[in-house]
Amino acid sequence: MGKKSWNEIFPGVATITLTSSGYGPSIDLRISKTGVPVQLVPEGTPGAAVVAVKRVEELGFYNLGRDQLAEKVGLTGPKTTAVIRFLKLKGDTDSYKQISIGKSKFDRYSQKAISEIKKALEKHDIDEIWKTHGIR
């Protein structure tokens, strides 16, 4: 199979921009066409241009449990939980996701959570964080 240009692969798309951002392996694909929004439609929809959509394996991105995260930042598990509460990391979808497997739920953290906690520990004393956000 010979090389094809992007406009042969994505007919009708005016521009394609690839960027790398965030934490962990990621590539954002931005597809735009002046005046016409891009929409996801079921496979086989008549008249729709084909564009690949890849679902990222969540356990690969959110690859740390709380204890693994604690080890990476040099804290005990409970103190790591206190910093997670202090930073409200569970509200940051780039750092945290609760993943369900069957009836079980698991709190999982990304590589971004490591850097967020390390930044917080440079500015804030862990003993002060523990006093306000530790075991209740």
C-alpha atoms as a PDB file:
ATOM      1  CA  MET A   1       0.000   0.000   0.000  1.00  0.00           C
ATOM      2  CA  GLY A   2       1.507   3.337  -1.065  1.00  0.00           C
ATOM      3  CA  LYS A   3       1.642   6.537   0.932  1.00  0.00           C
ATOM      4  CA  LYS A   4      -1.516   8.630   0.927  1.00  0.00           C
ATOM      5  CA  SER A   5      -1.975  12.240   1.878  1.00  0.00           C
ATOM      6  CA  TRP A   6      -4.220  13.092   4.848  1.00  0.00           C
ATOM      7  CA  ASN A   7      -6.877  14.579   2.540  1.00  0.00           C
ATOM      8  CA  GLU A   8      -7.119  11.238   0.712  1.00  0.00           C
ATOM      9  CA  ILE A   9      -7.601   9.414   4.022  1.00  0.00           C
ATOM     10  CA  PHE A  10     -10.009  12.037   5.457  1.00  0.00           C
ATOM     11  CA  PRO A  11     -11.886  13.399   2.437  1.00  0.00           C
ATOM     12  CA  GLY A  12     -13.839  16.578   3.102  1.00  0.00           C
ATOM     13  CA  VAL A  13     -11.782  17.583   6.144  1.00  0.00           C
ATOM     14  CA  ALA A  14     -10.242  21.035   5.757  1.00  0.00           C
ATOM     15  CA  THR A  15      -7.439  20.719   8.350  1.00  0.00           C
ATOM     16  CA  ILE A  16      -5.940  18.192  10.705  1.00  0.00           C
ATOM     17  CA  THR A  17      -3.812  19.249  13.670  1.00  0.00           C
ATOM     18  CA  LEU A  18      -1.945  16.774  15.891  1.00  0.00           C
ATOM     19  CA  THR A  19      -0.679  17.881  19.304  1.00  0.00           C
ATOM     20  CA  SER A  20       0.856  16.154  22.283  1.00  0.00           C
ATOM     21  CA  SER A  21      -0.210  17.370  25.709  1.00  0.00           C
ATOM     22  CA  GLY A  22      -0.986  16.176  29.198  1.00  0.00           C
ATOM     23  CA  TYR A  23       0.614  13.327  31.108  1.00  0.00           C
ATOM     24  CA  GLY A  24       1.393   9.895  29.839  1.00  0.00           C
ATOM     25  CA  PRO A  25       1.107   8.804  26.236  1.00  0.00           C
ATOM     26  CA  SER A  26      -1.442  10.954  24.455  1.00  0.00           C
ATOM     27  CA  ILE A  27      -2.108  12.495  21.101  1.00  0.00           C
ATOM     28  CA  ASP A  28      -4.997  14.823  20.465  1.00  0.00           C
ATOM     29  CA  LEU A  29      -6.516  14.806  16.992  1.00  0.00           C
ATOM     30  CA  ARG A  30      -8.354  17.961  16.083  1.00  0.00           C
ATOM     31  CA  ILE A  31     -10.387  17.801  12.917  1.00  0.00           C
ATOM     32  CA  SER A  32     -12.017  20.945  11.637  1.00  0.00           C
ATOM     33  CA  LYS A  33     -13.972  22.008   8.611  1.00  0.00           C
ATOM     34  CA  THR A  34     -15.017  25.617   8.338  1.00  0.00           C
ATOM     35  CA  GLY A  35     -18.722  25.997   9.086  1.00  0.00           C
ATOM     36  CA  VAL A  36     -19.473  22.282   9.472  1.00  0.00           C
ATOM     37  CA  PRO A  37     -19.111  20.547  12.861  1.00  0.00           C
ATOM     38  CA  VAL A  38     -17.649  17.043  13.040  1.00  0.00           C
ATOM     39  CA  GLN A  39     -19.959  14.489  14.637  1.00  0.00           C
ATOM     40  CA  LEU A  40     -19.509  10.880  15.710  1.00  0.00           C
ATOM     41  CA  VAL A  41     -21.992   8.640  13.914  1.00  0.00           C
ATOM     42  CA  PRO A  42     -22.502   4.864  13.952  1.00  0.00           C
ATOM     43  CA  GLU A  43     -20.324   2.842  11.603  1.00  0.00           C
ATOM     44  CA  GLY A  44     -21.915   2.418   8.197  1.00  0.00           C
ATOM     45  CA  THR A  45     -23.889   5.696   8.251  1.00  0.00           C
ATOM     46  CA  PRO A  46     -24.520   6.618   4.591  1.00  0.00           C
ATOM     47  CA  GLY A  47     -22.673   9.741   3.415  1.00  0.00           C
ATOM     48  CA  ALA A  48     -20.396   9.941   6.483  1.00  0.00           C
ATOM     49  CA  ALA A  49     -16.628  10.246   6.036  1.00  0.00           C
ATOM     50  CA  VAL A  50     -14.600   7.610   7.888  1.00  0.00           C
ATOM     51  CA  VAL A  51     -12.435   8.855  10.754  1.00  0.00           C
ATOM     52  CA  ALA A  52     -10.769   6.534  13.266  1.00  0.00           C
ATOM     53  CA  VAL A  53     -11.738   6.867  16.931  1.00  0.00           C
ATOM     54  CA  LYS A  54      -9.518   4.994  19.376  1.00  0.00           C
ATOM     55  CA  ARG A  55     -10.646   4.315  22.916  1.00  0.00           C
ATOM     56  CA  VAL A  56      -7.751   4.590  25.349  1.00  0.00           C
ATOM     57  CA  GLU A  57      -7.376   1.742  27.793  1.00  0.00           C
ATOM     58  CA  GLU A  58      -8.140   3.490  31.086  1.00  0.00           C
ATOM     59  CA  LEU A  59      -6.053   1.248  33.330  1.00  0.00           C
ATOM     60  CA  GLY A  60      -3.024   2.143  31.207  1.00  0.00           C
ATOM     61  CA  PHE A  61      -3.556   5.865  31.797  1.00  0.00           C
ATOM     62  CA  TYR A  62      -4.794   5.674  35.403  1.00  0.00           C
ATOM     63  CA  ASN A  63      -2.104   3.157  36.305  1.00  0.00           C
ATOM     64  CA  LEU A  64      -1.575   3.857  40.018  1.00  0.00           C
ATOM     65  CA  GLY A  65      -3.485   2.818  43.091  1.00  0.00           C
ATOM     66  CA  ARG A  66      -3.266   5.004  46.212  1.00  0.00           C
ATOM     67  CA  ASP A  67      -0.431   2.974  47.747  1.00  0.00           C
ATOM     68  CA  GLN A  68       1.579   3.015  44.515  1.00  0.00           C
ATOM     69  CA  LEU A  69       1.042   6.777  44.336  1.00  0.00           C
ATOM     70  CA  ALA A  70       2.201   7.094  47.967  1.00  0.00           C
ATOM     71  CA  GLU A  71       5.397   5.213  47.150  1.00  0.00           C
ATOM     72  CA  LYS A  72       6.112   7.500  44.173  1.00  0.00           C
ATOM     73  CA  VAL A  73       5.750  10.673  46.268  1.00  0.00           C
ATOM     74  CA  GLY A  74       7.456   9.313  49.395  1.00  0.00           C
ATOM     75  CA  LEU A  75       4.498   9.449  51.778  1.00  0.00           C
ATOM     76  CA  THR A  76       2.488   6.929  53.761  1.00  0.00           C
ATOM     77  CA  GLY A  77      -0.858   5.872  52.338  1.00  0.00           C
ATOM     78  CA  PRO A  78      -2.907   7.923  54.836  1.00  0.00           C
ATOM     79  CA  LYS A  79      -0.805  11.062  54.279  1.00  0.00           C
ATOM     80  CA  THR A  80      -1.182  10.619  50.529  1.00  0.00           C
ATOM     81  CA  THR A  81      -4.959  10.469  51.032  1.00  0.00           C
ATOM     82  CA  ALA A  82      -4.740  13.723  53.014  1.00  0.00           C
ATOM     83  CA  VAL A  83      -2.885  15.440  50.145  1.00  0.00           C
ATOM     84  CA  ILE A  84      -5.412  14.022  47.640  1.00  0.00           C
ATOM     85  CA  ARG A  85      -8.195  15.622  49.720  1.00  0.00           C
ATOM     86  CA  PHE A  86      -6.235  18.878  50.126  1.00  0.00           C
ATOM     87  CA  LEU A  87      -5.703  19.177  46.343  1.00  0.00           C
ATOM     88  CA  LYS A  88      -9.190  17.847  45.518  1.00  0.00           C
ATOM     89  CA  LEU A  89      -7.502  15.484  43.044  1.00  0.00           C
ATOM     90  CA  LYS A  90     -10.629  13.354  42.773  1.00  0.00           C
ATOM     91  CA  GLY A  91     -12.208  16.304  40.966  1.00  0.00           C
ATOM     92  CA  ASP A  92      -9.394  16.426  38.379  1.00  0.00           C
ATOM     93  CA  THR A  93     -10.177  13.990  35.560  1.00  0.00           C
ATOM     94  CA  ASP A  94      -6.566  14.175  34.328  1.00  0.00           C
ATOM     95  CA  SER A  95      -5.343  12.886  37.705  1.00  0.00           C
ATOM     96  CA  TYR A  96      -8.076  10.547  38.968  1.00  0.00           C
ATOM     97  CA  LYS A  97     -10.785   8.171  37.877  1.00  0.00           C
ATOM     98  CA  GLN A  98     -12.854   5.612  39.718  1.00  0.00           C
ATOM     99  CA  ILE A  99     -12.900   2.488  37.570  1.00  0.00           C
ATOM    100  CA  SER A 100     -15.556  -0.197  37.976  1.00  0.00           C
ATOM    101  CA  ILE A 101     -14.753  -3.826  37.271  1.00  0.00           C
ATOM    102  CA  GLY A 102     -17.835  -5.901  37.855  1.00  0.00           C
ATOM    103  CA  LYS A 103     -19.337  -4.767  41.165  1.00  0.00           C
ATOM    104  CA  SER A 104     -15.971  -3.580  42.512  1.00  0.00           C
ATOM    105  CA  LYS A 105     -14.824   0.042  42.281  1.00  0.00           C
ATOM    106  CA  PHE A 106     -11.181   1.099  42.266  1.00  0.00           C
ATOM    107  CA  ASP A 107      -9.693   4.560  42.782  1.00  0.00           C
ATOM    108  CA  ARG A 108      -6.953   5.017  40.178  1.00  0.00           C
ATOM    109  CA  TYR A 109      -4.487   7.845  39.648  1.00  0.00           C
ATOM    110  CA  SER A 110      -2.483   9.000  36.626  1.00  0.00           C
ATOM    111  CA  GLN A 111       1.115  10.186  36.373  1.00  0.00           C
ATOM    112  CA  LYS A 112      -0.177  13.755  36.661  1.00  0.00           C
ATOM    113  CA  ALA A 113      -1.209  13.042  40.260  1.00  0.00           C
ATOM    114  CA  ILE A 114       2.453  12.414  41.132  1.00  0.00           C
ATOM    115  CA  SER A 115       3.562  15.814  39.850  1.00  0.00           C
ATOM    116  CA  GLU A 116       0.586  17.612  41.439  1.00  0.00           C
ATOM    117  CA  ILE A 117       1.371  16.116  44.850  1.00  0.00           C
ATOM    118  CA  LYS A 118       5.096  16.847  44.551  1.00  0.00           C
ATOM    119  CA  LYS A 119       4.341  20.483  43.613  1.00  0.00           C
ATOM    120  CA  ALA A 120       2.004  20.812  46.612  1.00  0.00           C
ATOM    121  CA  LEU A 121       4.630  19.403  48.984  1.00  0.00           C
ATOM    122  CA  GLU A 122       7.129  22.028  47.783  1.00  0.00           C
ATOM    123  CA  LYS A 123       4.724  24.793  48.847  1.00  0.00           C
ATOM    124  CA  HIS A 124       2.858  23.257  51.809  1.00  0.00           C
ATOM    125  CA  ASP A 125       3.967  21.421  54.938  1.00  0.00           C
ATOM    126  CA  ILE A 126       2.666  17.833  55.064  1.00  0.00           C
ATOM    127  CA  ASP A 127       1.998  18.166  58.817  1.00  0.00           C
ATOM    128  CA  GLU A 128      -0.299  21.140  58.183  1.00  0.00           C
ATOM    129  CA  ILE A 129      -2.083  19.242  55.389  1.00  0.00           C
ATOM    130  CA  TRP A 130      -2.435  16.270  57.760  1.00  0.00           C
ATOM    131  CA  LYS A 131      -4.009  18.461  60.483  1.00  0.00           C
ATOM    132  CA  THR A 132      -6.734  19.738  58.160  1.00  0.00           C
ATOM    133  CA  HIS A 133      -7.225  16.813  55.748  1.00  0.00           C
ATOM    134  CA  GLY A 134      -5.951  13.723  57.594  1.00  0.00           C
ATOM    135  CA  ILE A 135      -7.891  10.881  59.193  1.00  0.00           C
ATOM    136  CA  ARG A 136     -11.224  12.110  60.457  1.00  0.00           C
END
